Amino acid sequence: MFNKIIQLKYIAITFITILTFVIPVNINAQDSEDIVFELLFETLDSLEVSQRMVTQAERIVGQERQTNESLRTEIEVLEQTLEQNKKDRNASFFIICCGVLGWWLHKRKKK
């Protein structure tokens, strides 16, 4: 999908370059070779700019993937901590219940 976007971007840049620079080049050009040279030069400049943008986009995507992976790891750690806290809470509740039951039985035996 990313490659299709890049291809469409190149097609759009070439089309816009032709539309933008054909009229000014025709006014200033002396022959068809000058026109072709100017179009190729402008297209090359546009492609260089596009390549820089693609490189920057790839770097951003890589950073976002690292961030997402870090967040997934953090979520997994938090989920494990939550599970451990639930187990600890259940164990504490069980110990408290046993203590209350023992206290109650002890009070009952005294009577």
N, C-alpha and C. Protein backbone atom coordinates (compact mmCIF):
# COMPACT_ATOMS: atom_id res chain seq x y z
N MET A 1 0.83 -1.19 0.00
CA MET A 1 0.00 0.00 0.00
C MET A 1 0.88 1.25 0.00
N PHE A 2 1.92 1.22 0.82
CA PHE A 2 2.83 2.37 0.91
C PHE A 2 3.49 2.63 -0.44
N ASN A 3 3.84 1.53 -1.18
CA ASN A 3 4.46 1.69 -2.49
C ASN A 3 3.49 2.29 -3.49
N LYS A 4 2.21 1.93 -3.40
CA LYS A 4 1.21 2.50 -4.30
C LYS A 4 1.08 4.00 -4.07
N ILE A 5 1.13 4.40 -2.81
CA ILE A 5 1.05 5.82 -2.49
C ILE A 5 2.25 6.55 -3.08
N ILE A 6 3.43 5.96 -2.96
CA ILE A 6 4.64 6.57 -3.51
C ILE A 6 4.53 6.68 -5.03
N GLN A 7 4.04 5.61 -5.68
CA GLN A 7 3.90 5.64 -7.13
C GLN A 7 2.91 6.72 -7.56
N LEU A 8 1.79 6.80 -6.86
CA LEU A 8 0.80 7.83 -7.19
C LEU A 8 1.37 9.23 -6.95
N LYS A 9 2.21 9.35 -5.92
CA LYS A 9 2.82 10.64 -5.62
C LYS A 9 3.75 11.05 -6.78
N TYR A 10 4.55 10.09 -7.28
CA TYR A 10 5.45 10.40 -8.39
C TYR A 10 4.67 10.78 -9.65
N ILE A 11 3.59 10.07 -9.91
CA ILE A 11 2.76 10.40 -11.07
C ILE A 11 2.18 11.79 -10.92
N ALA A 12 1.67 12.10 -9.74
CA ALA A 12 1.09 13.42 -9.50
C ALA A 12 2.14 14.51 -9.62
N ILE A 13 3.32 14.26 -9.08
CA ILE A 13 4.39 15.27 -9.16
C ILE A 13 4.80 15.51 -10.61
N THR A 14 4.93 14.42 -11.37
CA THR A 14 5.30 14.58 -12.78
C THR A 14 4.22 15.35 -13.53
N PHE A 15 2.96 15.01 -13.28
CA PHE A 15 1.86 15.70 -13.96
C PHE A 15 1.83 17.18 -13.59
N ILE A 16 1.95 17.47 -12.31
CA ILE A 16 1.94 18.87 -11.86
C ILE A 16 3.15 19.62 -12.42
N THR A 17 4.29 18.95 -12.46
CA THR A 17 5.49 19.59 -13.01
C THR A 17 5.30 19.94 -14.47
N ILE A 18 4.73 19.01 -15.21
CA ILE A 18 4.49 19.29 -16.63
C ILE A 18 3.53 20.46 -16.78
N LEU A 19 2.44 20.44 -16.03
CA LEU A 19 1.47 21.53 -16.14
C LEU A 19 2.05 22.87 -15.68
N THR A 20 2.90 22.80 -14.67
CA THR A 20 3.45 24.04 -14.11
C THR A 20 4.53 24.64 -14.98
N PHE A 21 5.37 23.79 -15.54
CA PHE A 21 6.57 24.31 -16.20
C PHE A 21 6.53 24.27 -17.73
N VAL A 22 5.54 23.65 -18.34
CA VAL A 22 5.50 23.62 -19.81
C VAL A 22 5.28 25.01 -20.37
N ILE A 23 4.34 25.74 -19.83
CA ILE A 23 4.06 27.08 -20.36
C ILE A 23 5.23 28.03 -20.15
N PRO A 24 5.81 28.14 -18.92
CA PRO A 24 6.96 29.04 -18.78
C PRO A 24 8.16 28.60 -19.60
N VAL A 25 8.37 27.29 -19.71
CA VAL A 25 9.52 26.81 -20.49
C VAL A 25 9.31 27.12 -21.96
N ASN A 26 8.10 26.96 -22.46
CA ASN A 26 7.84 27.26 -23.86
C ASN A 26 8.10 28.73 -24.17
N ILE A 27 7.81 29.60 -23.25
CA ILE A 27 8.04 31.02 -23.49
C ILE A 27 9.54 31.32 -23.55
N ASN A 28 10.32 30.68 -22.66
CA ASN A 28 11.74 30.98 -22.57
C ASN A 28 12.62 30.07 -23.42
N ALA A 29 12.11 28.94 -23.85
CA ALA A 29 12.96 27.98 -24.57
C ALA A 29 13.16 28.39 -26.02
N GLN A 30 14.33 28.01 -26.52
CA GLN A 30 14.64 28.32 -27.92
C GLN A 30 14.32 27.14 -28.82
N ASP A 31 14.43 25.93 -28.32
CA ASP A 31 14.08 24.77 -29.13
C ASP A 31 13.57 23.65 -28.22
N SER A 32 13.18 22.54 -28.83
CA SER A 32 12.57 21.45 -28.07
C SER A 32 13.55 20.79 -27.10
N GLU A 33 14.84 20.80 -27.40
CA GLU A 33 15.82 20.20 -26.49
C GLU A 33 15.87 20.98 -25.17
N ASP A 34 15.78 22.29 -25.25
CA ASP A 34 15.75 23.11 -24.03
C ASP A 34 14.52 22.77 -23.19
N ILE A 35 13.38 22.58 -23.86
CA ILE A 35 12.14 22.24 -23.15
C ILE A 35 12.30 20.92 -22.42
N VAL A 36 12.81 19.91 -23.12
CA VAL A 36 13.00 18.59 -22.51
C VAL A 36 13.97 18.67 -21.35
N PHE A 37 15.07 19.39 -21.53
CA PHE A 37 16.06 19.52 -20.47
C PHE A 37 15.45 20.19 -19.24
N GLU A 38 14.70 21.25 -19.44
CA GLU A 38 14.08 21.96 -18.33
C GLU A 38 13.07 21.06 -17.60
N LEU A 39 12.25 20.33 -18.37
CA LEU A 39 11.27 19.43 -17.75
C LEU A 39 11.97 18.34 -16.94
N LEU A 40 13.01 17.76 -17.51
CA LEU A 40 13.74 16.72 -16.80
C LEU A 40 14.40 17.27 -15.53
N PHE A 41 14.95 18.46 -15.62
CA PHE A 41 15.59 19.08 -14.47
C PHE A 41 14.57 19.33 -13.36
N GLU A 42 13.42 19.88 -13.71
CA GLU A 42 12.39 20.15 -12.72
C GLU A 42 11.82 18.85 -12.13
N THR A 43 11.67 17.83 -12.98
CA THR A 43 11.19 16.53 -12.50
C THR A 43 12.18 15.92 -11.53
N LEU A 44 13.46 16.02 -11.85
CA LEU A 44 14.50 15.51 -10.95
C LEU A 44 14.46 16.21 -9.61
N ASP A 45 14.31 17.51 -9.62
CA ASP A 45 14.20 18.26 -8.36
C ASP A 45 12.98 17.80 -7.55
N SER A 46 11.86 17.63 -8.24
CA SER A 46 10.65 17.18 -7.56
C SER A 46 10.83 15.78 -6.98
N LEU A 47 11.50 14.91 -7.72
CA LEU A 47 11.72 13.56 -7.23
C LEU A 47 12.66 13.55 -6.03
N GLU A 48 13.65 14.43 -6.03
CA GLU A 48 14.55 14.52 -4.89
C GLU A 48 13.79 14.97 -3.64
N VAL A 49 12.92 15.95 -3.82
CA VAL A 49 12.10 16.42 -2.69
C VAL A 49 11.19 15.28 -2.21
N SER A 50 10.60 14.57 -3.16
CA SER A 50 9.73 13.46 -2.79
C SER A 50 10.50 12.37 -2.06
N GLN A 51 11.71 12.10 -2.53
CA GLN A 51 12.52 11.06 -1.88
C GLN A 51 12.85 11.47 -0.44
N ARG A 52 13.15 12.75 -0.24
CA ARG A 52 13.41 13.22 1.12
C ARG A 52 12.17 13.06 1.99
N MET A 53 11.02 13.36 1.42
CA MET A 53 9.76 13.23 2.17
C MET A 53 9.49 11.76 2.49
N VAL A 54 9.75 10.86 1.53
CA VAL A 54 9.53 9.43 1.76
C VAL A 54 10.48 8.93 2.84
N THR A 55 11.74 9.36 2.80
CA THR A 55 12.70 8.96 3.82
C THR A 55 12.26 9.44 5.19
N GLN A 56 11.80 10.67 5.26
CA GLN A 56 11.32 11.21 6.53
C GLN A 56 10.08 10.45 7.00
N ALA A 57 9.20 10.13 6.07
CA ALA A 57 7.99 9.37 6.43
C ALA A 57 8.36 7.97 6.94
N GLU A 58 9.32 7.33 6.29
CA GLU A 58 9.75 6.00 6.73
C GLU A 58 10.37 6.07 8.13
N ARG A 59 11.14 7.13 8.39
CA ARG A 59 11.73 7.30 9.71
C ARG A 59 10.64 7.50 10.76
N ILE A 60 9.63 8.30 10.44
CA ILE A 60 8.53 8.54 11.37
C ILE A 60 7.76 7.25 11.61
N VAL A 61 7.51 6.48 10.54
CA VAL A 61 6.80 5.21 10.69
C VAL A 61 7.59 4.27 11.59
N GLY A 62 8.91 4.22 11.40
CA GLY A 62 9.74 3.37 12.25
C GLY A 62 9.67 3.79 13.71
N GLN A 63 9.72 5.10 13.95
CA GLN A 63 9.63 5.60 15.32
C GLN A 63 8.27 5.26 15.93
N GLU A 64 7.22 5.40 15.14
CA GLU A 64 5.88 5.09 15.63
C GLU A 64 5.74 3.60 15.94
N ARG A 65 6.35 2.76 15.11
CA ARG A 65 6.30 1.31 15.38
C ARG A 65 7.03 0.99 16.68
N GLN A 66 8.17 1.64 16.90
CA GLN A 66 8.89 1.43 18.16
C GLN A 66 8.05 1.90 19.35
N THR A 67 7.39 3.05 19.18
CA THR A 67 6.53 3.57 20.24
C THR A 67 5.39 2.60 20.52
N ASN A 68 4.77 2.10 19.45
CA ASN A 68 3.66 1.15 19.61
C ASN A 68 4.13 -0.12 20.30
N GLU A 69 5.31 -0.61 19.92
CA GLU A 69 5.84 -1.81 20.55
C GLU A 69 6.13 -1.56 22.03
N SER A 70 6.66 -0.38 22.35
CA SER A 70 6.91 -0.03 23.75
C SER A 70 5.61 0.04 24.53
N LEU A 71 4.59 0.61 23.91
CA LEU A 71 3.29 0.70 24.57
C LEU A 71 2.68 -0.69 24.79
N ARG A 72 2.83 -1.57 23.80
CA ARG A 72 2.33 -2.94 23.97
C ARG A 72 3.03 -3.63 25.13
N THR A 73 4.35 -3.45 25.19
CA THR A 73 5.11 -4.04 26.28
C THR A 73 4.65 -3.48 27.63
N GLU A 74 4.46 -2.17 27.68
CA GLU A 74 4.00 -1.53 28.92
C GLU A 74 2.62 -2.04 29.31
N ILE A 75 1.73 -2.22 28.34
CA ILE A 75 0.39 -2.74 28.62
C ILE A 75 0.48 -4.16 29.16
N GLU A 76 1.35 -4.98 28.56
CA GLU A 76 1.51 -6.35 29.05
C GLU A 76 2.01 -6.36 30.49
N VAL A 77 2.97 -5.49 30.80
CA VAL A 77 3.50 -5.42 32.17
C VAL A 77 2.39 -4.98 33.13
N LEU A 78 1.61 -3.98 32.72
CA LEU A 78 0.51 -3.52 33.58
C LEU A 78 -0.55 -4.60 33.78
N GLU A 79 -0.85 -5.36 32.73
CA GLU A 79 -1.81 -6.45 32.86
C GLU A 79 -1.29 -7.52 33.81
N GLN A 80 -0.01 -7.85 33.70
CA GLN A 80 0.57 -8.83 34.62
C GLN A 80 0.54 -8.32 36.06
N THR A 81 0.84 -7.03 36.23
CA THR A 81 0.80 -6.44 37.56
C THR A 81 -0.62 -6.47 38.12
N LEU A 82 -1.60 -6.18 37.28
CA LEU A 82 -3.01 -6.22 37.70
C LEU A 82 -3.39 -7.63 38.13
N GLU A 83 -2.99 -8.63 37.35
CA GLU A 83 -3.29 -10.02 37.71
C GLU A 83 -2.64 -10.38 39.04
N GLN A 84 -1.39 -9.96 39.23
CA GLN A 84 -0.69 -10.24 40.48
C GLN A 84 -1.38 -9.55 41.66
N ASN A 85 -1.83 -8.30 41.43
CA ASN A 85 -2.54 -7.56 42.48
C ASN A 85 -3.85 -8.26 42.84
N LYS A 86 -4.54 -8.81 41.83
CA LYS A 86 -5.79 -9.54 42.11
C LYS A 86 -5.50 -10.77 42.95
N LYS A 87 -4.43 -11.48 42.60
CA LYS A 87 -4.06 -12.67 43.37
C LYS A 87 -3.69 -12.28 44.80
N ASP A 88 -2.92 -11.21 44.94
CA ASP A 88 -2.52 -10.74 46.27
C ASP A 88 -3.75 -10.31 47.09
N ARG A 89 -4.67 -9.64 46.44
CA ARG A 89 -5.89 -9.19 47.13
C ARG A 89 -6.72 -10.38 47.58
N ASN A 90 -6.85 -11.37 46.70
CA ASN A 90 -7.61 -12.57 47.06
C ASN A 90 -6.93 -13.31 48.22
N ALA A 91 -5.61 -13.39 48.18
CA ALA A 91 -4.88 -14.05 49.27
C ALA A 91 -5.07 -13.27 50.56
N SER A 92 -5.00 -11.95 50.50
CA SER A 92 -5.19 -11.12 51.70
C SER A 92 -6.61 -11.30 52.24
N PHE A 93 -7.58 -11.31 51.37
CA PHE A 93 -8.97 -11.50 51.79
C PHE A 93 -9.13 -12.85 52.47
N PHE A 94 -8.50 -13.89 51.91
CA PHE A 94 -8.57 -15.23 52.49
C PHE A 94 -7.94 -15.24 53.88
N ILE A 95 -6.79 -14.61 54.03
CA ILE A 95 -6.12 -14.55 55.33
C ILE A 95 -6.96 -13.80 56.35
N ILE A 96 -7.57 -12.69 55.93
CA ILE A 96 -8.44 -11.91 56.83
C ILE A 96 -9.64 -12.75 57.26
N CYS A 97 -10.23 -13.45 56.30
CA CYS A 97 -11.38 -14.30 56.63
C CYS A 97 -10.99 -15.39 57.62
N CYS A 98 -9.82 -16.01 57.38
CA CYS A 98 -9.35 -17.05 58.31
C CYS A 98 -9.10 -16.45 59.69
N GLY A 99 -8.54 -15.25 59.77
CA GLY A 99 -8.31 -14.58 61.04
C GLY A 99 -9.59 -14.29 61.77
N VAL A 100 -10.59 -13.78 61.05
CA VAL A 100 -11.90 -13.47 61.66
C VAL A 100 -12.56 -14.76 62.13
N LEU A 101 -12.49 -15.80 61.32
CA LEU A 101 -13.08 -17.09 61.70
C LEU A 101 -12.37 -17.64 62.94
N GLY A 102 -11.03 -17.57 62.97
CA GLY A 102 -10.27 -18.02 64.14
C GLY A 102 -10.62 -17.22 65.38
N TRP A 103 -10.74 -15.91 65.23
CA TRP A 103 -11.10 -15.05 66.35
C TRP A 103 -12.49 -15.40 66.85
N TRP A 104 -13.42 -15.61 65.92
CA TRP A 104 -14.80 -15.96 66.29
C TRP A 104 -14.85 -17.29 67.02
N LEU A 105 -14.11 -18.28 66.48
CA LEU A 105 -14.07 -19.59 67.14
C LEU A 105 -13.44 -19.49 68.53
N HIS A 106 -12.39 -18.68 68.65
CA HIS A 106 -11.73 -18.51 69.94
C HIS A 106 -12.69 -17.86 70.95
N LYS A 107 -13.43 -16.85 70.52
CA LYS A 107 -14.40 -16.18 71.39
C LYS A 107 -15.51 -17.16 71.79
N ARG A 108 -15.89 -17.98 70.86
CA ARG A 108 -16.98 -18.93 71.09
C ARG A 108 -16.56 -19.98 72.13
N LYS A 109 -15.30 -20.42 72.06
CA LYS A 109 -14.81 -21.44 72.99
C LYS A 109 -14.73 -20.87 74.41
N LYS A 110 -14.45 -19.58 74.54
CA LYS A 110 -14.36 -18.97 75.86
C LYS A 110 -15.70 -18.92 76.57
N LYS A 111 -16.77 -18.85 75.83
CA LYS A 111 -18.11 -18.76 76.44
C LYS A 111 -18.50 -20.05 76.98
